[in-house]
Amino acid sequence: MALGPLPVHGGDLVAAERRWGRPQAGWLDLSTGINPWPYPVPPLPQEAWTRLPGRAEEEGLRVAAARRFGVADPAQVLAGPGTSALIQALPRTRAAVRVDVVSPTYGEHARAWAAAGHDVRAVSRLEDAQSPVQVVVTPNNPDGRMVAPEFLRVRAAALAARGGLLVVDEAFADMAPDISVAPFLAPGLVVLRSFGKFYGLAGLRLGFVLGEAAVLAAVAAQLGPWPVPGPALAVGAAALADDDWERATISRLAGAAADLDGVLGGAGLRLVGGTSLFRLAEHDDAAGLYDRLGRAGILVRAFDFDARRLRFGLPPDDSALARLAQALA
């Protein structure tokens, strides 16, 4: 079978089946950084499904999100239909400028700014960025690299002084809340937060942009009315208010990541980064290993910018971990 191109995003089982066919045992999808133990969806009121969301429901979600992310004022929180939609909307709120994106990272940032007419440049470190708009993901996808909050605050203040903007994507910050810059919102700083990754409910399509009122108003105008459906408002508010689940999940994910490290290291892969939702590993024949895993029905993430590296999400149970270990042996 001729090998097709790499899937553009994790979780693309259609592209995987075009490349390898459908596995008899079904797919073990380790290509995403989504929690395999999702938040238990609570019973929802019938009105969440049958009427348009109201201001009370939207305010309830903003209050819960502000508390969870450490934001002083719920008015500095705007919810949207997934972080991806917010990544697309934000560039459309500004006139065309040069934009530096700390790379390699999540590819939608550069694509979205370029599609909105901006001149996008990749830089390897935030210290090297000089453009009026600068974008950084911390912890970064796929290597888990983090930038200190104090450095981000200083950089945002410098950009604000010349009308610029620092965009900080904290999609994977739930497992390491101390590295978040969300509690320090100020002019020149915008923070993006995901919901689906840590809470394991990616299909709910919920995300947040945190920032000053003028920035949020411009993004809201791009999204239009009722951007978040009633069920997502209700589930999001309940999940973000559940402190016990958050603490237990941070611990559970850390333990699962350690178990995955043992399997990867035992198979001769070199661990080079990641978060407790995914691990980045290096192998001299990563392309061959990627293909072998695909033929075994295990989808992991490969990268066109570095053929030596593979990203592994967390196996959902002991049998899945054993299946991975066997395929790697």
C-alpha atoms as a PDB file:
ATOM      1  CA  MET A   1       0.000   0.000   0.000  1.00  0.00           C
ATOM      2  CA  ALA A   2       1.324   3.436  -0.929  1.00  0.00           C
ATOM      3  CA  LEU A   3       1.827   5.632   2.078  1.00  0.00           C
ATOM      4  CA  GLY A   4      -0.202   8.833   2.162  1.00  0.00           C
ATOM      5  CA  PRO A   5       0.770  12.179   3.680  1.00  0.00           C
ATOM      6  CA  LEU A   6       0.961  12.665   7.408  1.00  0.00           C
ATOM      7  CA  PRO A   7      -2.370  13.555   9.061  1.00  0.00           C
ATOM      8  CA  VAL A   8      -2.555  17.302   9.596  1.00  0.00           C
ATOM      9  CA  HIS A   9      -3.966  16.974  13.125  1.00  0.00           C
ATOM     10  CA  GLY A  10      -4.044  14.362  15.821  1.00  0.00           C
ATOM     11  CA  GLY A  11      -7.094  12.124  15.854  1.00  0.00           C
ATOM     12  CA  ASP A  12      -7.448  11.985  12.056  1.00  0.00           C
ATOM     13  CA  LEU A  13      -8.496   8.336  11.759  1.00  0.00           C
ATOM     14  CA  VAL A  14      -9.821   8.853   8.223  1.00  0.00           C
ATOM     15  CA  ALA A  15      -6.329   9.782   7.017  1.00  0.00           C
ATOM     16  CA  ALA A  16      -4.884   6.900   9.044  1.00  0.00           C
ATOM     17  CA  GLU A  17      -7.189   4.403   7.339  1.00  0.00           C
ATOM     18  CA  ARG A  18      -6.309   5.808   3.930  1.00  0.00           C
ATOM     19  CA  ARG A  19      -2.674   5.129   4.785  1.00  0.00           C
ATOM     20  CA  TRP A  20      -2.867   1.722   6.509  1.00  0.00           C
ATOM     21  CA  GLY A  21      -6.416   0.414   6.213  1.00  0.00           C
ATOM     22  CA  ARG A  22      -8.773  -0.340   9.080  1.00  0.00           C
ATOM     23  CA  PRO A  23      -7.124  -2.430  11.840  1.00  0.00           C
ATOM     24  CA  GLN A  24      -8.919  -5.609  12.835  1.00  0.00           C
ATOM     25  CA  ALA A  25      -8.577  -4.810  16.553  1.00  0.00           C
ATOM     26  CA  GLY A  26      -9.743  -1.205  16.071  1.00  0.00           C
ATOM     27  CA  TRP A  27      -7.643   1.897  16.481  1.00  0.00           C
ATOM     28  CA  LEU A  28      -5.694   2.772  19.575  1.00  0.00           C
ATOM     29  CA  ASP A  29      -5.526   6.503  18.991  1.00  0.00           C
ATOM     30  CA  LEU A  30      -2.575   8.033  20.844  1.00  0.00           C
ATOM     31  CA  SER A  31      -2.194  10.914  18.402  1.00  0.00           C
ATOM     32  CA  THR A  32      -3.913  13.595  20.496  1.00  0.00           C
ATOM     33  CA  GLY A  33      -3.154  15.328  23.781  1.00  0.00           C
ATOM     34  CA  ILE A  34      -6.656  14.758  25.162  1.00  0.00           C
ATOM     35  CA  ASN A  35      -7.312  13.309  28.604  1.00  0.00           C
ATOM     36  CA  PRO A  36      -8.535   9.711  28.080  1.00  0.00           C
ATOM     37  CA  TRP A  37     -10.543   9.883  31.349  1.00  0.00           C
ATOM     38  CA  PRO A  38     -13.055  12.663  30.660  1.00  0.00           C
ATOM     39  CA  TYR A  39     -15.000  14.671  33.168  1.00  0.00           C
ATOM     40  CA  PRO A  40     -18.279  12.867  33.943  1.00  0.00           C
ATOM     41  CA  VAL A  41     -20.999  14.855  32.209  1.00  0.00           C
ATOM     42  CA  PRO A  42     -23.676  15.791  34.762  1.00  0.00           C
ATOM     43  CA  PRO A  43     -27.411  15.614  34.061  1.00  0.00           C
ATOM     44  CA  LEU A  44     -28.452  18.694  32.123  1.00  0.00           C
ATOM     45  CA  PRO A  45     -31.696  20.634  32.408  1.00  0.00           C
ATOM     46  CA  GLN A  46     -34.012  20.225  29.433  1.00  0.00           C
ATOM     47  CA  GLU A  47     -33.782  23.971  28.821  1.00  0.00           C
ATOM     48  CA  ALA A  48     -30.098  23.624  27.958  1.00  0.00           C
ATOM     49  CA  TRP A  49     -31.194  21.807  24.819  1.00  0.00           C
ATOM     50  CA  THR A  50     -34.452  23.516  23.966  1.00  0.00           C
ATOM     51  CA  ARG A  51     -33.817  27.252  24.263  1.00  0.00           C
ATOM     52  CA  LEU A  52     -31.136  29.723  23.305  1.00  0.00           C
ATOM     53  CA  PRO A  53     -28.521  30.325  25.998  1.00  0.00           C
ATOM     54  CA  GLY A  54     -29.223  33.307  28.221  1.00  0.00           C
ATOM     55  CA  ARG A  55     -27.014  35.841  29.944  1.00  0.00           C
ATOM     56  CA  ALA A  56     -27.291  34.023  33.268  1.00  0.00           C
ATOM     57  CA  GLU A  57     -25.824  30.827  31.824  1.00  0.00           C
ATOM     58  CA  GLU A  58     -23.060  32.720  30.048  1.00  0.00           C
ATOM     59  CA  GLU A  59     -22.223  34.642  33.205  1.00  0.00           C
ATOM     60  CA  GLY A  60     -22.148  31.428  35.231  1.00  0.00           C
ATOM     61  CA  LEU A  61     -19.544  29.965  32.903  1.00  0.00           C
ATOM     62  CA  ARG A  62     -17.459  33.159  32.943  1.00  0.00           C
ATOM     63  CA  VAL A  63     -17.451  33.228  36.745  1.00  0.00           C
ATOM     64  CA  ALA A  64     -16.411  29.560  36.961  1.00  0.00           C
ATOM     65  CA  ALA A  65     -13.691  30.046  34.342  1.00  0.00           C
ATOM     66  CA  ALA A  66     -12.333  33.190  36.001  1.00  0.00           C
ATOM     67  CA  ARG A  67     -12.029  31.380  39.321  1.00  0.00           C
ATOM     68  CA  ARG A  68     -10.376  28.334  37.761  1.00  0.00           C
ATOM     69  CA  PHE A  69      -7.870  30.354  35.735  1.00  0.00           C
ATOM     70  CA  GLY A  70      -7.138  32.913  38.460  1.00  0.00           C
ATOM     71  CA  VAL A  71      -8.612  35.868  36.573  1.00  0.00           C
ATOM     72  CA  ALA A  72      -9.693  38.700  38.887  1.00  0.00           C
ATOM     73  CA  ASP A  73     -12.678  39.898  36.846  1.00  0.00           C
ATOM     74  CA  PRO A  74     -15.088  37.554  34.972  1.00  0.00           C
ATOM     75  CA  ALA A  75     -15.552  40.373  32.457  1.00  0.00           C
ATOM     76  CA  GLN A  76     -12.029  39.527  31.252  1.00  0.00           C
ATOM     77  CA  VAL A  77     -13.230  36.072  30.137  1.00  0.00           C
ATOM     78  CA  LEU A  78     -14.874  35.304  26.799  1.00  0.00           C
ATOM     79  CA  ALA A  79     -16.029  31.790  25.919  1.00  0.00           C
ATOM     80  CA  GLY A  80     -16.077  30.501  22.360  1.00  0.00           C
ATOM     81  CA  PRO A  81     -16.912  27.326  20.434  1.00  0.00           C
ATOM     82  CA  GLY A  82     -13.474  25.769  20.936  1.00  0.00           C
ATOM     83  CA  THR A  83     -10.043  27.349  21.136  1.00  0.00           C
ATOM     84  CA  SER A  84      -9.526  26.717  17.416  1.00  0.00           C
ATOM     85  CA  ALA A  85     -12.368  29.110  16.587  1.00  0.00           C
ATOM     86  CA  LEU A  86     -10.806  31.751  18.841  1.00  0.00           C
ATOM     87  CA  ILE A  87      -7.407  31.247  17.185  1.00  0.00           C
ATOM     88  CA  GLN A  88      -9.094  31.953  13.837  1.00  0.00           C
ATOM     89  CA  ALA A  89     -11.075  34.946  15.115  1.00  0.00           C
ATOM     90  CA  LEU A  90      -8.332  36.864  16.929  1.00  0.00           C
ATOM     91  CA  PRO A  91      -6.197  37.699  13.851  1.00  0.00           C
ATOM     92  CA  ARG A  92      -9.247  39.139  12.106  1.00  0.00           C
ATOM     93  CA  THR A  93      -9.569  41.800  14.807  1.00  0.00           C
ATOM     94  CA  ARG A  94      -6.321  43.591  13.908  1.00  0.00           C
ATOM     95  CA  ALA A  95      -4.973  45.422  10.876  1.00  0.00           C
ATOM     96  CA  ALA A  96      -2.270  43.570   8.964  1.00  0.00           C
ATOM     97  CA  VAL A  97       1.092  43.606  10.765  1.00  0.00           C
ATOM     98  CA  ARG A  98       4.152  41.410  11.164  1.00  0.00           C
ATOM     99  CA  VAL A  99       3.567  38.469  13.515  1.00  0.00           C
ATOM    100  CA  ASP A 100       6.226  36.296  15.137  1.00  0.00           C
ATOM    101  CA  VAL A 101       5.169  32.777  16.170  1.00  0.00           C
ATOM    102  CA  VAL A 102       7.524  30.832  18.442  1.00  0.00           C
ATOM    103  CA  SER A 103       7.965  27.596  16.514  1.00  0.00           C
ATOM    104  CA  PRO A 104       7.661  24.696  16.025  1.00  0.00           C
ATOM    105  CA  THR A 105       4.283  24.692  17.695  1.00  0.00           C
ATOM    106  CA  TYR A 106       0.583  24.189  17.046  1.00  0.00           C
ATOM    107  CA  GLY A 107       0.279  24.949  13.340  1.00  0.00           C
ATOM    108  CA  GLU A 108      -3.073  26.751  13.416  1.00  0.00           C
ATOM    109  CA  HIS A 109      -1.575  29.909  14.908  1.00  0.00           C
ATOM    110  CA  ALA A 110       0.613  30.705  11.910  1.00  0.00           C
ATOM    111  CA  ARG A 111      -2.067  29.600   9.457  1.00  0.00           C
ATOM    112  CA  ALA A 112      -4.746  31.779  11.059  1.00  0.00           C
ATOM    113  CA  TRP A 113      -2.644  34.942  11.171  1.00  0.00           C
ATOM    114  CA  ALA A 114      -1.470  34.408   7.581  1.00  0.00           C
ATOM    115  CA  ALA A 115      -5.021  33.760   6.363  1.00  0.00           C
ATOM    116  CA  ALA A 116      -6.075  37.099   7.878  1.00  0.00           C
ATOM    117  CA  GLY A 117      -3.430  38.898   5.806  1.00  0.00           C
ATOM    118  CA  HIS A 118      -0.640  39.245   8.361  1.00  0.00           C
ATOM    119  CA  ASP A 119       3.051  38.736   7.582  1.00  0.00           C
ATOM    120  CA  VAL A 120       3.973  35.704   9.707  1.00  0.00           C
ATOM    121  CA  ARG A 121       7.499  34.737  10.700  1.00  0.00           C
ATOM    122  CA  ALA A 122       8.659  31.728  12.723  1.00  0.00           C
ATOM    123  CA  VAL A 123      11.161  32.337  15.517  1.00  0.00           C
ATOM    124  CA  SER A 124      12.795  29.713  17.699  1.00  0.00           C
ATOM    125  CA  ARG A 125      12.524  31.642  20.998  1.00  0.00           C
ATOM    126  CA  LEU A 126      10.339  34.418  22.320  1.00  0.00           C
ATOM    127  CA  GLU A 127      13.551  36.332  23.062  1.00  0.00           C
ATOM    128  CA  ASP A 128      14.126  36.506  19.294  1.00  0.00           C
ATOM    129  CA  ALA A 129      10.682  37.942  18.498  1.00  0.00           C
ATOM    130  CA  GLN A 130      10.573  41.595  17.385  1.00  0.00           C
ATOM    131  CA  SER A 131       7.239  41.980  15.589  1.00  0.00           C
ATOM    132  CA  PRO A 132       4.252  43.993  16.905  1.00  0.00           C
ATOM    133  CA  VAL A 133       2.306  40.758  17.520  1.00  0.00           C
ATOM    134  CA  GLN A 134       4.011  37.771  19.109  1.00  0.00           C
ATOM    135  CA  VAL A 135       2.514  34.326  19.710  1.00  0.00           C
ATOM    136  CA  VAL A 136       3.831  31.692  22.114  1.00  0.00           C
ATOM    137  CA  VAL A 137       2.395  28.389  23.375  1.00  0.00           C
ATOM    138  CA  THR A 138       3.343  27.446  26.939  1.00  0.00           C
ATOM    139  CA  PRO A 139       3.564  24.593  27.751  1.00  0.00           C
ATOM    140  CA  ASN A 140       4.394  24.158  24.110  1.00  0.00           C
ATOM    141  CA  ASN A 141       2.986  21.528  21.787  1.00  0.00           C
ATOM    142  CA  PRO A 142       4.752  19.201  21.072  1.00  0.00           C
ATOM    143  CA  ASP A 143       7.861  19.633  23.262  1.00  0.00           C
ATOM    144  CA  GLY A 144       6.305  20.948  26.496  1.00  0.00           C
ATOM    145  CA  ARG A 145       8.651  23.947  26.646  1.00  0.00           C
ATOM    146  CA  MET A 146       7.473  26.558  29.174  1.00  0.00           C
ATOM    147  CA  VAL A 147       8.086  30.297  29.456  1.00  0.00           C
ATOM    148  CA  ALA A 148       8.202  31.910  32.893  1.00  0.00           C
ATOM    149  CA  PRO A 149       5.145  34.069  33.682  1.00  0.00           C
ATOM    150  CA  GLU A 150       7.328  36.992  34.772  1.00  0.00           C
ATOM    151  CA  PHE A 151       9.089  37.045  31.388  1.00  0.00           C
ATOM    152  CA  LEU A 152       5.717  37.026  29.643  1.00  0.00           C
ATOM    153  CA  ARG A 153       4.484  39.928  31.776  1.00  0.00           C
ATOM    154  CA  VAL A 154       7.519  42.027  30.932  1.00  0.00           C
ATOM    155  CA  ARG A 155       7.258  41.207  27.227  1.00  0.00           C
ATOM    156  CA  ALA A 156       3.521  42.023  27.139  1.00  0.00           C
ATOM    157  CA  ALA A 157       4.122  45.385  28.825  1.00  0.00           C
ATOM    158  CA  ALA A 158       6.820  46.258  26.301  1.00  0.00           C
ATOM    159  CA  LEU A 159       4.539  45.354  23.405  1.00  0.00           C
ATOM    160  CA  ALA A 160       1.617  47.289  24.886  1.00  0.00           C
ATOM    161  CA  ALA A 161       3.768  50.407  25.061  1.00  0.00           C
ATOM    162  CA  ARG A 162       4.034  50.373  21.266  1.00  0.00           C
ATOM    163  CA  GLY A 163       0.511  49.163  20.499  1.00  0.00           C
ATOM    164  CA  GLY A 164       1.505  45.530  20.154  1.00  0.00           C
ATOM    165  CA  LEU A 165       0.091  42.288  21.486  1.00  0.00           C
ATOM    166  CA  LEU A 166       1.423  39.119  23.118  1.00  0.00           C
ATOM    167  CA  VAL A 167      -0.776  36.059  22.563  1.00  0.00           C
ATOM    168  CA  VAL A 168      -0.115  33.260  25.053  1.00  0.00           C
ATOM    169  CA  ASP A 169      -1.745  29.907  24.300  1.00  0.00           C
ATOM    170  CA  GLU A 170      -2.072  27.939  27.553  1.00  0.00           C
ATOM    171  CA  ALA A 171      -3.970  24.958  26.137  1.00  0.00           C
ATOM    172  CA  PHE A 172      -1.927  22.562  28.286  1.00  0.00           C
ATOM    173  CA  ALA A 173      -1.529  24.716  31.401  1.00  0.00           C
ATOM    174  CA  ASP A 174      -4.194  22.978  33.503  1.00  0.00           C
ATOM    175  CA  MET A 175      -1.665  20.401  34.703  1.00  0.00           C
ATOM    176  CA  ALA A 176       0.785  23.127  35.775  1.00  0.00           C
ATOM    177  CA  PRO A 177      -1.325  26.088  36.970  1.00  0.00           C
ATOM    178  CA  ASP A 178       1.658  27.883  38.503  1.00  0.00           C
ATOM    179  CA  ILE A 179       3.051  28.652  35.042  1.00  0.00           C
ATOM    180  CA  SER A 180      -0.099  30.465  33.902  1.00  0.00           C
ATOM    181  CA  VAL A 181       0.020  34.165  33.188  1.00  0.00           C
ATOM    182  CA  ALA A 182      -3.788  34.403  33.291  1.00  0.00           C
ATOM    183  CA  PRO A 183      -3.822  35.949  36.805  1.00  0.00           C
ATOM    184  CA  PHE A 184      -1.736  38.856  35.491  1.00  0.00           C
ATOM    185  CA  LEU A 185      -3.859  40.113  32.610  1.00  0.00           C
ATOM    186  CA  ALA A 186      -2.915  43.593  31.468  1.00  0.00           C
ATOM    187  CA  PRO A 187      -2.930  45.678  28.279  1.00  0.00           C
ATOM    188  CA  GLY A 188      -0.952  43.971  25.536  1.00  0.00           C
ATOM    189  CA  LEU A 189      -1.633  40.447  26.848  1.00  0.00           C
ATOM    190  CA  VAL A 190      -4.163  37.897  25.571  1.00  0.00           C
ATOM    191  CA  VAL A 191      -4.368  34.356  26.945  1.00  0.00           C
ATOM    192  CA  LEU A 192      -6.068  31.391  25.264  1.00  0.00           C
ATOM    193  CA  ARG A 193      -7.293  28.480  27.378  1.00  0.00           C
ATOM    194  CA  SER A 194      -8.619  25.139  26.178  1.00  0.00           C
ATOM    195  CA  PHE A 195     -11.334  23.106  27.887  1.00  0.00           C
ATOM    196  CA  GLY A 196     -11.486  19.870  25.911  1.00  0.00           C
ATOM    197  CA  LYS A 197      -7.922  18.688  26.475  1.00  0.00           C
ATOM    198  CA  PHE A 198      -7.666  18.536  30.282  1.00  0.00           C
ATOM    199  CA  TYR A 199     -11.356  17.780  30.796  1.00  0.00           C
ATOM    200  CA  GLY A 200     -11.318  15.180  28.014  1.00  0.00           C
ATOM    201  CA  LEU A 201     -14.422  16.584  26.301  1.00  0.00           C
ATOM    202  CA  ALA A 202     -13.004  17.840  23.016  1.00  0.00           C
ATOM    203  CA  GLY A 203     -16.314  17.191  21.252  1.00  0.00           C
ATOM    204  CA  LEU A 204     -18.025  19.772  23.461  1.00  0.00           C
ATOM    205  CA  ARG A 205     -16.107  22.516  21.581  1.00  0.00           C
ATOM    206  CA  LEU A 206     -15.420  25.020  24.322  1.00  0.00           C
ATOM    207  CA  GLY A 207     -12.506  27.401  24.740  1.00  0.00           C
ATOM    208  CA  PHE A 208     -11.696  30.755  26.300  1.00  0.00           C
ATOM    209  CA  VAL A 209      -9.901  33.967  25.455  1.00  0.00           C
ATOM    210  CA  LEU A 210      -8.799  36.115  28.395  1.00  0.00           C
ATOM    211  CA  GLY A 211      -7.870  39.752  28.061  1.00  0.00           C
ATOM    212  CA  GLU A 212      -8.855  43.404  28.141  1.00  0.00           C
ATOM    213  CA  ALA A 213     -12.410  44.495  27.333  1.00  0.00           C
ATOM    214  CA  ALA A 214     -11.604  45.997  23.920  1.00  0.00           C
ATOM    215  CA  VAL A 215      -9.876  42.820  22.726  1.00  0.00           C
ATOM    216  CA  LEU A 216     -12.706  40.589  23.914  1.00  0.00           C
ATOM    217  CA  ALA A 217     -15.333  42.832  22.318  1.00  0.00           C
ATOM    218  CA  ALA A 218     -13.545  42.612  18.969  1.00  0.00           C
ATOM    219  CA  VAL A 219     -13.331  38.814  19.182  1.00  0.00           C
ATOM    220  CA  ALA A 220     -16.973  38.565  20.279  1.00  0.00           C
ATOM    221  CA  ALA A 221     -17.996  40.564  17.201  1.00  0.00           C
ATOM    222  CA  GLN A 222     -16.254  37.943  15.047  1.00  0.00           C
ATOM    223  CA  LEU A 223     -18.064  35.067  16.779  1.00  0.00           C
ATOM    224  CA  GLY A 224     -21.575  36.512  16.602  1.00  0.00           C
ATOM    225  CA  PRO A 225     -24.443  35.870  19.040  1.00  0.00           C
ATOM    226  CA  TRP A 226     -24.757  32.657  21.074  1.00  0.00           C
ATOM    227  CA  PRO A 227     -21.296  31.302  20.205  1.00  0.00           C
ATOM    228  CA  VAL A 228     -21.457  28.623  22.928  1.00  0.00           C
ATOM    229  CA  PRO A 229     -24.445  26.254  23.056  1.00  0.00           C
ATOM    230  CA  GLY A 230     -26.414  25.743  26.233  1.00  0.00           C
ATOM    231  CA  PRO A 231     -25.133  22.216  26.983  1.00  0.00           C
ATOM    232  CA  ALA A 232     -21.509  23.399  26.725  1.00  0.00           C
ATOM    233  CA  LEU A 233     -22.222  26.311  29.063  1.00  0.00           C
ATOM    234  CA  ALA A 234     -23.737  23.973  31.662  1.00  0.00           C
ATOM    235  CA  VAL A 235     -21.076  21.258  31.458  1.00  0.00           C
ATOM    236  CA  GLY A 236     -18.240  23.784  31.386  1.00  0.00           C
ATOM    237  CA  ALA A 237     -19.501  25.627  34.472  1.00  0.00           C
ATOM    238  CA  ALA A 238     -19.887  22.380  36.426  1.00  0.00           C
ATOM    239  CA  ALA A 239     -16.484  21.017  35.445  1.00  0.00           C
ATOM    240  CA  LEU A 240     -14.562  24.215  36.108  1.00  0.00           C
ATOM    241  CA  ALA A 241     -16.098  24.427  39.597  1.00  0.00           C
ATOM    242  CA  ASP A 242     -15.090  20.861  40.538  1.00  0.00           C
ATOM    243  CA  ASP A 243     -11.887  21.298  42.559  1.00  0.00           C
ATOM    244  CA  ASP A 244     -11.745  17.680  43.755  1.00  0.00           C
ATOM    245  CA  TRP A 245     -11.851  16.315  40.209  1.00  0.00           C
ATOM    246  CA  GLU A 246      -9.171  18.769  39.103  1.00  0.00           C
ATOM    247  CA  ARG A 247      -6.754  17.754  41.865  1.00  0.00           C
ATOM    248  CA  ALA A 248      -7.344  14.025  41.361  1.00  0.00           C
ATOM    249  CA  THR A 249      -6.937  14.341  37.588  1.00  0.00           C
ATOM    250  CA  ILE A 250      -3.646  16.237  37.797  1.00  0.00           C
ATOM    251  CA  SER A 251      -2.287  13.400  39.933  1.00  0.00           C
ATOM    252  CA  ARG A 252      -3.737  10.667  37.712  1.00  0.00           C
ATOM    253  CA  LEU A 253      -2.304  12.185  34.546  1.00  0.00           C
ATOM    254  CA  ALA A 254       1.144  12.525  36.099  1.00  0.00           C
ATOM    255  CA  GLY A 255       1.127   8.844  37.067  1.00  0.00           C
ATOM    256  CA  ALA A 256      -0.042   7.759  33.615  1.00  0.00           C
ATOM    257  CA  ALA A 257       2.661   9.856  31.957  1.00  0.00           C
ATOM    258  CA  ALA A 258       5.284   8.158  34.138  1.00  0.00           C
ATOM    259  CA  ASP A 259       3.956   4.726  33.113  1.00  0.00           C
ATOM    260  CA  LEU A 260       4.128   5.749  29.453  1.00  0.00           C
ATOM    261  CA  ASP A 261       7.696   6.986  29.942  1.00  0.00           C
ATOM    262  CA  GLY A 262       8.632   3.525  31.205  1.00  0.00           C
ATOM    263  CA  VAL A 263       7.241   1.825  28.093  1.00  0.00           C
ATOM    264  CA  LEU A 264       8.845   4.296  25.679  1.00  0.00           C
ATOM    265  CA  GLY A 265      12.214   4.229  27.408  1.00  0.00           C
ATOM    266  CA  GLY A 266      12.134   0.445  27.610  1.00  0.00           C
ATOM    267  CA  ALA A 267      11.643   0.290  23.840  1.00  0.00           C
ATOM    268  CA  GLY A 268      14.704   2.433  23.196  1.00  0.00           C
ATOM    269  CA  LEU A 269      13.027   5.771  22.521  1.00  0.00           C
ATOM    270  CA  ARG A 270      14.647   8.889  23.950  1.00  0.00           C
ATOM    271  CA  LEU A 271      12.276  11.165  25.864  1.00  0.00           C
ATOM    272  CA  VAL A 272      12.790  14.782  24.810  1.00  0.00           C
ATOM    273  CA  GLY A 273       9.771  16.622  26.211  1.00  0.00           C
ATOM    274  CA  GLY A 274       6.036  16.797  26.631  1.00  0.00           C
ATOM    275  CA  THR A 275       3.411  17.381  29.304  1.00  0.00           C
ATOM    276  CA  SER A 276       1.446  14.937  31.411  1.00  0.00           C
ATOM    277  CA  LEU A 277      -1.068  14.669  28.545  1.00  0.00           C
ATOM    278  CA  PHE A 278       1.496  13.683  25.918  1.00  0.00           C
ATOM    279  CA  ARG A 279       5.138  12.670  25.637  1.00  0.00           C
ATOM    280  CA  LEU A 280       7.580  13.600  22.883  1.00  0.00           C
ATOM    281  CA  ALA A 281      10.139  10.940  22.039  1.00  0.00           C
ATOM    282  CA  GLU A 282      13.006  10.624  19.598  1.00  0.00           C
ATOM    283  CA  HIS A 283      14.134   7.577  17.626  1.00  0.00           C
ATOM    284  CA  ASP A 284      16.724   7.145  14.881  1.00  0.00           C
ATOM    285  CA  ASP A 285      14.107   5.389  12.729  1.00  0.00           C
ATOM    286  CA  ALA A 286      11.025   7.271  13.867  1.00  0.00           C
ATOM    287  CA  ALA A 287       9.474   7.124  10.381  1.00  0.00           C
ATOM    288  CA  GLY A 288       9.771   3.351  10.295  1.00  0.00           C
ATOM    289  CA  LEU A 289       8.435   3.085  13.841  1.00  0.00           C
ATOM    290  CA  TYR A 290       5.507   5.343  13.005  1.00  0.00           C
ATOM    291  CA  ASP A 291       4.620   3.102  10.071  1.00  0.00           C
ATOM    292  CA  ARG A 292       4.991  -0.084  12.128  1.00  0.00           C
ATOM    293  CA  LEU A 293       2.692   1.279  14.818  1.00  0.00           C
ATOM    294  CA  GLY A 294       0.166   2.365  12.199  1.00  0.00           C
ATOM    295  CA  ARG A 295       0.098  -1.099  10.684  1.00  0.00           C
ATOM    296  CA  ALA A 296      -0.530  -2.434  14.199  1.00  0.00           C
ATOM    297  CA  GLY A 297      -3.524  -0.109  14.559  1.00  0.00           C
ATOM    298  CA  ILE A 298      -1.805   2.388  16.864  1.00  0.00           C
ATOM    299  CA  LEU A 299      -1.887   5.985  15.712  1.00  0.00           C
ATOM    300  CA  VAL A 300       0.709   8.370  17.135  1.00  0.00           C
ATOM    301  CA  ARG A 301       1.739  11.820  15.930  1.00  0.00           C
ATOM    302  CA  ALA A 302       4.604  12.342  13.506  1.00  0.00           C
ATOM    303  CA  PHE A 303       5.969  15.715  12.406  1.00  0.00           C
ATOM    304  CA  ASP A 304       7.154  16.957   9.038  1.00  0.00           C
ATOM    305  CA  PHE A 305       9.554  19.437  10.699  1.00  0.00           C
ATOM    306  CA  ASP A 306      11.549  16.690  12.478  1.00  0.00           C
ATOM    307  CA  ALA A 307      11.461  13.135  11.143  1.00  0.00           C
ATOM    308  CA  ARG A 308      13.158  11.779  14.295  1.00  0.00           C
ATOM    309  CA  ARG A 309      10.325  12.637  16.665  1.00  0.00           C
ATOM    310  CA  LEU A 310       6.985  11.086  17.597  1.00  0.00           C
ATOM    311  CA  ARG A 311       4.373  12.286  20.060  1.00  0.00           C
ATOM    312  CA  PHE A 312       2.446   9.780  22.181  1.00  0.00           C
ATOM    313  CA  GLY A 313      -0.815  10.495  23.994  1.00  0.00           C
ATOM    314  CA  LEU A 314      -1.803   8.569  27.110  1.00  0.00           C
ATOM    315  CA  PRO A 315      -3.107   4.995  26.709  1.00  0.00           C
ATOM    316  CA  PRO A 316      -6.529   4.797  28.378  1.00  0.00           C
ATOM    317  CA  ASP A 317      -5.956   1.588  30.357  1.00  0.00           C
ATOM    318  CA  ASP A 318      -3.484  -1.189  31.162  1.00  0.00           C
ATOM    319  CA  SER A 319      -4.448  -3.267  28.128  1.00  0.00           C
ATOM    320  CA  ALA A 320      -3.810  -0.319  25.805  1.00  0.00           C
ATOM    321  CA  LEU A 321      -0.439   0.314  27.460  1.00  0.00           C
ATOM    322  CA  ALA A 322       0.440  -3.368  27.013  1.00  0.00           C
ATOM    323  CA  ARG A 323      -0.653  -3.218  23.366  1.00  0.00           C
ATOM    324  CA  LEU A 324       1.685  -0.287  22.788  1.00  0.00           C
ATOM    325  CA  ALA A 325       4.540  -2.050  24.554  1.00  0.00           C
ATOM    326  CA  GLN A 326       4.036  -5.148  22.417  1.00  0.00           C
ATOM    327  CA  ALA A 327       3.958  -3.154  19.181  1.00  0.00           C
ATOM    328  CA  LEU A 328       7.154  -1.332  20.163  1.00  0.00           C
ATOM    329  CA  ALA A 329       8.991  -4.538  21.160  1.00  0.00           C
END
